[in-house]
């Protein structure tokens, strides 16, 4: 099967596939749909936690995708501009410095909220990456000496006047990244143990007990914003469970009460008001639908409201009702198809997505629907996927048929494969290649001693097989616990901010077992390049295709490609393959863009 697929990929005689020069400029038209009347606004995208991929022009983005690859990233619903009451001028993120979550597991999730006590984020995101505590890592290497990189002549020295300015800016950014949202005021910190105990009940799904615990706290400490916010959350989740409008209204009122208390922290104030607005919109729509049951537009808006809250089940029920009343409704079809695809019901999703797009109804012409229809068709071996990619490109949703990333900076050089010299990161490449055995030995030691460090790939990118990863940096943040197992490797990387500071990438080990096939997919952004260092490579059977060019890894050698272009992997060897993945900033990004682009 894999051999047949590869043959098709290498021919690439698909009608609309580009075959001429692969050096392209990302067109400004790529992001035109982001401003379309029926597009999801930045604020709405935030509510969708970015798991809803959209073509996104990041030229002026000061805030913010595992992430990462987006073959199974759920498709965002279209909503009317006046539906979500958040001000579209708001920052893309509700909290400064808070990393955006891109869920690639095929599940709609809400925005990632503050992490203090974890209570605001744990239930609202399906991100699989654990944010490690910031701690010092001993980078002193006592064993095998590491090869130093050669000086790079073409790199000009910074003047003394420039150095302090850049260092200060970098330090400020690091401090900002480390800063956690403040959810507890001074008084709440004195009763934190009681609040955490009540919160633990909510997280365990014991909602009735959690509500009673928070009600007792509010009665005992009426001026505690965190206790009242916890009560609102418990009412909110219980309302969802019981489908109770009365409880939902209570939750909305309690969110307001929490926001109006004196000494409420700014982060808690923001979270309470945002949640109140969203839940208030849902309650209002449910009431309107109850009054006007035949109004299809209201029902569609209600379905979108459920999606915005991560309630796929509720959304599916609403869109199903719409299609019973009006079977040809294109808006309901694309959203119903999207929900089916997020549930991994690939064949079933295709006719709904296709017919919805063909309807041409307002709210259907969105790059994310083209993306998911094409992805679904590819997974059943249907080459008509490229027709839809081409159509999406012509409508300005994709940079090209091959390059379908959705969070882009316009004008960056675009080509599938790069040489070290083209990237300007030759020192990094030399360091990786000279020390590849050190990196390999540390990785093998971690595999042997603690196989749990290699977490199975959970982005729904595999057709079959086993694929594990061990992440050292994610979104520019170091995973200290992981680095403790491979200190030499992490010490090497610390020298290269183009990699460790790449907020739109990762640094990780990747081990793939025989018999694994990774679906054709694209990464989320054109702002990074991806380096693969071969560590343990079987003699035959392991290959990677990016666009219509297929290559193989070599031990001790670095391959560099732009993963915003379609790529696919086969592991048909008789033993495992181990590589080291290092993402770096696209070399044409300015220092300002690297500092201000939001994480993915």
Foldseek 3Di string as FASTA:
>chain_A
DVVVVLVCLQVPVQPFADDPDQKDFQDPLQQVCCPDQFAQFLQLCQLQLCLAFFQAACPPAQAHPVVKFALQRFHAFTAGPPQQPDDSVDHSYLDFLDFGYHALLLFGFGHAAFCDLDLRGPVGDPDPDDFAQDDDADLDDDPDDADAFDDDVVDDDDDPVVVVVVVVLVVVLVVRNNDTADQFFPVCVVVVVLLSVLSVCVVVVVLVSSLVSLVVVCVVPVLGLSSLLSNLVSLCVVCVVVVPLVSLVVSLVSLVSSLPHPPGGPSSNSVSVSVSSLSVSLSVLVVVCVVVVLDLVSLLNNLSSCSSNRNLVVSLVSLVVSCVNPVQALSSLLSNLSSCVSVVVLVVSQVSLVSSLVVVDPRNLGLSSLSNNLSSCVVVVHSCNLVSLQVNVVSSNASGSFQRARHEHGGFTGGFFDDCVVQVNVSLQVSCLRCLQLVLVLVVVCCVPPVVQFCWDSSPFWPDFTKTKHWQAELLRGNSVSCNSRSNVVSSCVVPCQFSLQRAHTKIKMKTFAPIKTGWTAINYQFKKKKKAWRDFDPDWKWKDFRSDIDGHDHSHITITRRSGTMIITHHDHGMTMIIMTMGTRSPDDPVSSSRRHGD
